[in-house]
Amino acid sequence: MAIRLPRIVSSKKVSKGHFAVYVGENQKRFVIPVSFLSQPLFQDLLGMSEEEFGYSPTGGLRIPCSEDIFVDVTSRLN
């Protein structure tokens, strides 16, 4: 009898129309809709990221705020 283990690889996939960002001290991963990129509140977060980290073509997009603030901001976006 075989035991089926969950596929860990699937948790790293991002569905079409979404992208991953890393937030907070522990770099918690959030998957959010691409439509957020056009929202002024999210653009403010991107500006903070550029100021803090600059542009880096390697690695993920990091947002320099706490997880609580990020969740609060993104909960206001449609």
C-alpha atoms as a PDB file:
ATOM      1  CA  MET A   1       0.000   0.000   0.000  1.00  0.00           C
ATOM      2  CA  ALA A   2       1.488   3.333  -1.085  1.00  0.00           C
ATOM      3  CA  ILE A   3       1.231   6.548   0.905  1.00  0.00           C
ATOM      4  CA  ARG A   4       0.526   9.694  -1.091  1.00  0.00           C
ATOM      5  CA  LEU A   5       2.384  12.752   0.123  1.00  0.00           C
ATOM      6  CA  PRO A   6       1.243  16.254  -0.761  1.00  0.00           C
ATOM      7  CA  ARG A   7       3.193  17.922  -3.558  1.00  0.00           C
ATOM      8  CA  ILE A   8       5.270  20.706  -2.070  1.00  0.00           C
ATOM      9  CA  VAL A   9       6.272  21.966  -5.526  1.00  0.00           C
ATOM     10  CA  SER A  10       2.709  23.038  -6.290  1.00  0.00           C
ATOM     11  CA  SER A  11       2.807  25.545  -3.431  1.00  0.00           C
ATOM     12  CA  LYS A  12       5.501  27.495  -5.317  1.00  0.00           C
ATOM     13  CA  LYS A  13       3.364  27.927  -8.433  1.00  0.00           C
ATOM     14  CA  VAL A  14       1.636  31.212  -9.107  1.00  0.00           C
ATOM     15  CA  SER A  15      -1.569  31.096 -11.107  1.00  0.00           C
ATOM     16  CA  LYS A  16      -1.986  33.175 -14.248  1.00  0.00           C
ATOM     17  CA  GLY A  17      -2.800  36.800 -13.512  1.00  0.00           C
ATOM     18  CA  HIS A  18      -1.000  36.787 -10.149  1.00  0.00           C
ATOM     19  CA  PHE A  19       2.515  37.334  -8.827  1.00  0.00           C
ATOM     20  CA  ALA A  20       4.391  36.733  -5.588  1.00  0.00           C
ATOM     21  CA  VAL A  21       5.797  39.351  -3.240  1.00  0.00           C
ATOM     22  CA  TYR A  22       7.779  38.936  -0.040  1.00  0.00           C
ATOM     23  CA  VAL A  23       6.792  41.049   2.944  1.00  0.00           C
ATOM     24  CA  GLY A  24       8.117  41.784   6.433  1.00  0.00           C
ATOM     25  CA  GLU A  25      11.135  40.724   8.419  1.00  0.00           C
ATOM     26  CA  ASN A  26      10.468  37.035   7.791  1.00  0.00           C
ATOM     27  CA  GLN A  27       9.848  37.623   4.076  1.00  0.00           C
ATOM     28  CA  LYS A  28       6.402  36.012   4.140  1.00  0.00           C
ATOM     29  CA  ARG A  29       5.238  35.167   0.625  1.00  0.00           C
ATOM     30  CA  PHE A  30       1.941  36.609  -0.642  1.00  0.00           C
ATOM     31  CA  VAL A  31       0.412  35.868  -4.046  1.00  0.00           C
ATOM     32  CA  ILE A  32      -1.588  38.828  -5.303  1.00  0.00           C
ATOM     33  CA  PRO A  33      -3.410  39.797  -8.520  1.00  0.00           C
ATOM     34  CA  VAL A  34      -1.501  41.638 -11.240  1.00  0.00           C
ATOM     35  CA  SER A  35      -4.341  44.191 -11.242  1.00  0.00           C
ATOM     36  CA  PHE A  36      -2.901  45.592  -7.991  1.00  0.00           C
ATOM     37  CA  LEU A  37      -0.027  47.079 -10.019  1.00  0.00           C
ATOM     38  CA  SER A  38      -2.302  49.835 -11.340  1.00  0.00           C
ATOM     39  CA  GLN A  39      -3.621  50.797  -7.886  1.00  0.00           C
ATOM     40  CA  PRO A  40      -2.124  54.000  -6.350  1.00  0.00           C
ATOM     41  CA  LEU A  41      -1.871  52.453  -2.855  1.00  0.00           C
ATOM     42  CA  PHE A  42       0.097  49.502  -4.216  1.00  0.00           C
ATOM     43  CA  GLN A  43       2.260  51.825  -6.315  1.00  0.00           C
ATOM     44  CA  ASP A  44       3.192  53.576  -3.064  1.00  0.00           C
ATOM     45  CA  LEU A  45       4.398  50.216  -1.700  1.00  0.00           C
ATOM     46  CA  LEU A  46       6.410  49.675  -4.886  1.00  0.00           C
ATOM     47  CA  GLY A  47       8.003  53.107  -4.441  1.00  0.00           C
ATOM     48  CA  MET A  48       8.991  52.169  -0.883  1.00  0.00           C
ATOM     49  CA  SER A  49      10.492  48.956  -2.225  1.00  0.00           C
ATOM     50  CA  GLU A  50      12.525  50.826  -4.825  1.00  0.00           C
ATOM     51  CA  GLU A  51      13.843  53.265  -2.205  1.00  0.00           C
ATOM     52  CA  GLU A  52      14.742  50.492   0.250  1.00  0.00           C
ATOM     53  CA  PHE A  53      16.109  47.801  -2.068  1.00  0.00           C
ATOM     54  CA  GLY A  54      16.648  49.393  -5.477  1.00  0.00           C
ATOM     55  CA  TYR A  55      16.149  47.368  -8.623  1.00  0.00           C
ATOM     56  CA  SER A  56      17.361  43.790  -8.574  1.00  0.00           C
ATOM     57  CA  PRO A  57      16.589  41.450 -11.482  1.00  0.00           C
ATOM     58  CA  THR A  58      17.243  38.438  -9.264  1.00  0.00           C
ATOM     59  CA  GLY A  59      15.082  37.157  -6.461  1.00  0.00           C
ATOM     60  CA  GLY A  60      11.527  38.126  -5.675  1.00  0.00           C
ATOM     61  CA  LEU A  61       9.840  41.452  -5.208  1.00  0.00           C
ATOM     62  CA  ARG A  62      10.289  42.534  -1.594  1.00  0.00           C
ATOM     63  CA  ILE A  63       7.963  45.014   0.089  1.00  0.00           C
ATOM     64  CA  PRO A  64       9.506  46.844   3.103  1.00  0.00           C
ATOM     65  CA  CYS A  65       6.586  46.974   5.511  1.00  0.00           C
ATOM     66  CA  SER A  66       5.090  44.745   8.164  1.00  0.00           C
ATOM     67  CA  GLU A  67       2.781  41.926   7.185  1.00  0.00           C
ATOM     68  CA  ASP A  68      -0.084  43.642   9.040  1.00  0.00           C
ATOM     69  CA  ILE A  69       0.300  46.857   7.042  1.00  0.00           C
ATOM     70  CA  PHE A  70       0.553  44.931   3.775  1.00  0.00           C
ATOM     71  CA  VAL A  71      -2.623  42.976   4.512  1.00  0.00           C
ATOM     72  CA  ASP A  72      -4.397  46.194   5.514  1.00  0.00           C
ATOM     73  CA  VAL A  73      -3.374  47.988   2.305  1.00  0.00           C
ATOM     74  CA  THR A  74      -4.171  45.103  -0.027  1.00  0.00           C
ATOM     75  CA  SER A  75      -7.533  44.497   1.635  1.00  0.00           C
ATOM     76  CA  ARG A  76      -8.540  47.969   0.410  1.00  0.00           C
ATOM     77  CA  LEU A  77      -7.743  47.146  -3.229  1.00  0.00           C
ATOM     78  CA  ASN A  78     -10.169  45.598  -5.705  1.00  0.00           C
END
